[in-house]
Amino acid sequence: MCALAADLGPGTALAYVELLETRRAYLSNLTPLPALPALLLLAERIDADAAATRFLVDGWLLLRMHDGSGPQVTPCKHDHS
């Protein structure tokens, strides 16, 4: 899998169908996906600002869209106190 992951371009994620655990873990049916569309499709909740330049995905992942260069991803820190 390391060789396959090295061949993936930026912005690509791997999806798998099944995790088989024996003495080692094996992933079956790996499929490369464009990361941003997959994230937006599988998110439970997406909040956006009025200009649609910032998206908060599932309350913890902040995507910032800039001048067409692609998203910048920032994990959000919540104060649970």
N, C-alpha and C. Protein backbone atom coordinates (compact mmCIF):
# COMPACT_ATOMS: atom_id res chain seq x y z
N MET A 1 0.82 -1.19 0.00
CA MET A 1 0.00 0.00 0.00
C MET A 1 0.87 1.25 0.00
N CYS A 2 2.04 1.17 0.58
CA CYS A 2 2.92 2.34 0.61
C CYS A 2 3.28 2.80 -0.80
N ALA A 3 3.54 1.84 -1.69
CA ALA A 3 3.87 2.21 -3.07
C ALA A 3 2.67 2.85 -3.74
N LEU A 4 1.49 2.32 -3.50
CA LEU A 4 0.28 2.88 -4.09
C LEU A 4 0.03 4.29 -3.57
N ALA A 5 0.19 4.50 -2.28
CA ALA A 5 -0.03 5.82 -1.69
C ALA A 5 0.96 6.82 -2.25
N ALA A 6 2.18 6.40 -2.55
CA ALA A 6 3.18 7.32 -3.11
C ALA A 6 2.81 7.72 -4.53
N ASP A 7 2.06 6.88 -5.24
CA ASP A 7 1.67 7.18 -6.61
C ASP A 7 0.47 8.12 -6.69
N LEU A 8 -0.24 8.30 -5.59
CA LEU A 8 -1.41 9.17 -5.60
C LEU A 8 -0.97 10.63 -5.63
N GLY A 9 -1.68 11.42 -6.37
CA GLY A 9 -1.37 12.84 -6.44
C GLY A 9 -1.91 13.58 -5.24
N PRO A 10 -1.54 14.85 -5.10
CA PRO A 10 -2.10 15.64 -4.00
C PRO A 10 -3.60 15.80 -4.19
N GLY A 11 -4.31 15.81 -3.09
CA GLY A 11 -5.76 15.96 -3.16
C GLY A 11 -6.49 14.68 -3.47
N THR A 12 -5.79 13.54 -3.36
CA THR A 12 -6.42 12.25 -3.61
C THR A 12 -6.42 11.44 -2.32
N ALA A 13 -7.53 10.80 -2.05
CA ALA A 13 -7.67 9.96 -0.87
C ALA A 13 -7.99 8.54 -1.31
N LEU A 14 -7.72 7.59 -0.44
CA LEU A 14 -8.08 6.20 -0.72
C LEU A 14 -9.31 5.81 0.09
N ALA A 15 -10.26 5.20 -0.57
CA ALA A 15 -11.44 4.66 0.11
C ALA A 15 -11.35 3.14 0.04
N TYR A 16 -11.84 2.47 1.06
CA TYR A 16 -11.81 1.01 1.06
C TYR A 16 -13.18 0.48 1.44
N VAL A 17 -13.44 -0.76 1.03
CA VAL A 17 -14.72 -1.38 1.30
C VAL A 17 -14.69 -2.15 2.60
N GLU A 18 -13.60 -2.86 2.86
CA GLU A 18 -13.57 -3.74 4.02
C GLU A 18 -12.20 -3.72 4.67
N LEU A 19 -12.19 -3.75 5.98
CA LEU A 19 -10.96 -3.89 6.76
C LEU A 19 -10.96 -5.29 7.34
N LEU A 20 -10.01 -6.11 6.88
CA LEU A 20 -9.88 -7.47 7.35
C LEU A 20 -8.73 -7.51 8.35
N GLU A 21 -9.04 -7.90 9.58
CA GLU A 21 -8.01 -7.94 10.61
C GLU A 21 -7.68 -9.38 10.96
N THR A 22 -6.44 -9.74 10.73
CA THR A 22 -5.90 -11.01 11.18
C THR A 22 -4.74 -10.62 12.10
N ARG A 23 -3.60 -11.21 11.89
CA ARG A 23 -2.43 -10.73 12.65
C ARG A 23 -2.01 -9.36 12.15
N ARG A 24 -2.38 -9.08 10.94
CA ARG A 24 -2.14 -7.76 10.34
C ARG A 24 -3.47 -7.25 9.79
N ALA A 25 -3.53 -5.96 9.55
CA ALA A 25 -4.75 -5.38 8.97
C ALA A 25 -4.60 -5.30 7.45
N TYR A 26 -5.65 -5.68 6.74
CA TYR A 26 -5.65 -5.64 5.29
C TYR A 26 -6.87 -4.85 4.83
N LEU A 27 -6.68 -3.97 3.86
CA LEU A 27 -7.78 -3.23 3.26
C LEU A 27 -8.12 -3.88 1.93
N SER A 28 -9.42 -4.02 1.64
CA SER A 28 -9.81 -4.61 0.36
C SER A 28 -10.56 -3.58 -0.48
N ASN A 29 -10.47 -3.76 -1.78
CA ASN A 29 -11.17 -2.93 -2.76
C ASN A 29 -10.83 -1.45 -2.60
N LEU A 30 -9.55 -1.13 -2.66
CA LEU A 30 -9.11 0.27 -2.57
C LEU A 30 -9.49 1.02 -3.84
N THR A 31 -9.99 2.23 -3.65
CA THR A 31 -10.38 3.08 -4.77
C THR A 31 -9.86 4.49 -4.52
N PRO A 32 -9.08 5.05 -5.45
CA PRO A 32 -8.65 6.44 -5.28
C PRO A 32 -9.82 7.39 -5.58
N LEU A 33 -9.98 8.40 -4.75
CA LEU A 33 -11.05 9.39 -4.92
C LEU A 33 -10.48 10.79 -4.81
N PRO A 34 -11.05 11.75 -5.52
CA PRO A 34 -10.68 13.14 -5.25
C PRO A 34 -11.12 13.49 -3.82
N ALA A 35 -10.20 13.95 -3.00
CA ALA A 35 -10.45 14.11 -1.57
C ALA A 35 -11.54 15.14 -1.25
N LEU A 36 -11.51 16.29 -1.86
CA LEU A 36 -12.48 17.34 -1.52
C LEU A 36 -13.91 16.94 -1.86
N PRO A 37 -14.21 16.48 -3.07
CA PRO A 37 -15.60 16.06 -3.34
C PRO A 37 -16.05 14.91 -2.44
N ALA A 38 -15.16 13.95 -2.15
CA ALA A 38 -15.52 12.84 -1.27
C ALA A 38 -15.82 13.35 0.13
N LEU A 39 -15.01 14.26 0.63
CA LEU A 39 -15.25 14.84 1.96
C LEU A 39 -16.58 15.55 2.01
N LEU A 40 -16.88 16.37 1.01
CA LEU A 40 -18.13 17.11 1.01
C LEU A 40 -19.34 16.19 0.84
N LEU A 41 -19.18 15.13 0.08
CA LEU A 41 -20.29 14.18 -0.12
C LEU A 41 -20.58 13.37 1.14
N LEU A 42 -19.54 13.00 1.88
CA LEU A 42 -19.72 12.12 3.03
C LEU A 42 -19.90 12.86 4.36
N ALA A 43 -19.79 14.17 4.35
CA ALA A 43 -19.94 14.94 5.58
C ALA A 43 -21.37 14.88 6.09
N GLU A 44 -21.51 14.91 7.41
CA GLU A 44 -22.85 14.96 8.01
C GLU A 44 -23.39 16.38 8.01
N ARG A 45 -22.50 17.37 8.19
CA ARG A 45 -22.94 18.76 8.25
C ARG A 45 -21.85 19.65 7.65
N ILE A 46 -22.28 20.63 6.84
CA ILE A 46 -21.36 21.60 6.25
C ILE A 46 -21.93 22.99 6.48
N ASP A 47 -21.17 23.84 7.15
CA ASP A 47 -21.54 25.23 7.35
C ASP A 47 -20.61 26.09 6.51
N ALA A 48 -21.14 27.14 5.89
CA ALA A 48 -20.34 28.01 5.02
C ALA A 48 -20.59 29.46 5.39
N ASP A 49 -19.60 30.31 5.10
CA ASP A 49 -19.81 31.74 5.29
C ASP A 49 -20.56 32.29 4.07
N ALA A 50 -20.96 33.55 4.12
CA ALA A 50 -21.79 34.15 3.07
C ALA A 50 -21.08 34.19 1.72
N ALA A 51 -19.77 34.33 1.73
CA ALA A 51 -19.01 34.41 0.48
C ALA A 51 -18.61 33.04 -0.05
N ALA A 52 -18.93 31.98 0.68
CA ALA A 52 -18.56 30.60 0.32
C ALA A 52 -17.06 30.45 0.14
N THR A 53 -16.31 31.08 1.02
CA THR A 53 -14.86 30.94 0.99
C THR A 53 -14.35 30.10 2.15
N ARG A 54 -15.20 29.86 3.14
CA ARG A 54 -14.83 29.02 4.29
C ARG A 54 -15.96 28.03 4.56
N PHE A 55 -15.58 26.78 4.73
CA PHE A 55 -16.54 25.72 5.01
C PHE A 55 -16.10 24.98 6.26
N LEU A 56 -17.01 24.82 7.20
CA LEU A 56 -16.75 24.05 8.41
C LEU A 56 -17.45 22.71 8.24
N VAL A 57 -16.66 21.64 8.17
CA VAL A 57 -17.18 20.30 7.91
C VAL A 57 -17.28 19.53 9.23
N ASP A 58 -18.49 19.08 9.53
CA ASP A 58 -18.78 18.29 10.73
C ASP A 58 -18.32 18.96 12.02
N GLY A 59 -18.24 20.27 12.03
CA GLY A 59 -17.94 21.02 13.23
C GLY A 59 -16.49 21.01 13.67
N TRP A 60 -15.58 20.42 12.86
CA TRP A 60 -14.19 20.37 13.32
C TRP A 60 -13.15 20.62 12.22
N LEU A 61 -13.52 20.51 10.96
CA LEU A 61 -12.55 20.68 9.88
C LEU A 61 -12.89 21.93 9.08
N LEU A 62 -11.99 22.91 9.08
CA LEU A 62 -12.23 24.18 8.39
C LEU A 62 -11.50 24.17 7.06
N LEU A 63 -12.26 24.34 5.96
CA LEU A 63 -11.69 24.44 4.62
C LEU A 63 -11.75 25.90 4.19
N ARG A 64 -10.62 26.44 3.78
CA ARG A 64 -10.57 27.82 3.29
C ARG A 64 -10.27 27.81 1.81
N MET A 65 -11.15 28.39 1.01
CA MET A 65 -10.96 28.46 -0.43
C MET A 65 -10.34 29.81 -0.76
N HIS A 66 -9.28 29.77 -1.52
CA HIS A 66 -8.59 31.00 -1.90
C HIS A 66 -8.66 31.16 -3.41
N ASP A 67 -7.80 31.84 -3.98
CA ASP A 67 -7.78 32.27 -5.38
C ASP A 67 -7.71 31.14 -6.41
N GLY A 68 -8.44 30.07 -6.21
CA GLY A 68 -8.44 28.98 -7.17
C GLY A 68 -7.29 28.02 -7.01
N SER A 69 -6.46 28.21 -5.99
CA SER A 69 -5.31 27.33 -5.78
C SER A 69 -5.68 26.08 -5.01
N GLY A 70 -6.95 25.92 -4.64
CA GLY A 70 -7.39 24.75 -3.90
C GLY A 70 -7.60 25.09 -2.44
N PRO A 71 -8.18 24.15 -1.70
CA PRO A 71 -8.51 24.42 -0.30
C PRO A 71 -7.29 24.32 0.61
N GLN A 72 -7.31 25.07 1.67
CA GLN A 72 -6.35 24.93 2.76
C GLN A 72 -7.14 24.36 3.93
N VAL A 73 -6.64 23.29 4.52
CA VAL A 73 -7.36 22.55 5.54
C VAL A 73 -6.78 22.86 6.91
N THR A 74 -7.65 23.21 7.86
CA THR A 74 -7.23 23.52 9.22
C THR A 74 -8.17 22.81 10.19
N PRO A 75 -7.64 21.91 11.05
CA PRO A 75 -8.50 21.34 12.09
C PRO A 75 -8.88 22.43 13.08
N CYS A 76 -10.15 22.51 13.47
CA CYS A 76 -10.61 23.51 14.41
C CYS A 76 -10.45 22.98 15.83
N LYS A 77 -10.10 23.87 16.73
CA LYS A 77 -9.96 23.49 18.13
C LYS A 77 -11.16 24.05 18.88
N HIS A 78 -11.87 23.15 19.56
CA HIS A 78 -13.04 23.55 20.33
C HIS A 78 -12.69 23.57 21.81
N ASP A 79 -13.20 24.53 22.50
CA ASP A 79 -13.06 24.59 23.96
C ASP A 79 -14.29 23.93 24.55
N HIS A 80 -14.13 22.74 25.09
CA HIS A 80 -15.27 21.98 25.63
C HIS A 80 -15.55 22.28 27.08
N SER A 81 -15.05 23.40 27.60
CA SER A 81 -15.29 23.70 29.02
C SER A 81 -16.57 24.47 29.22
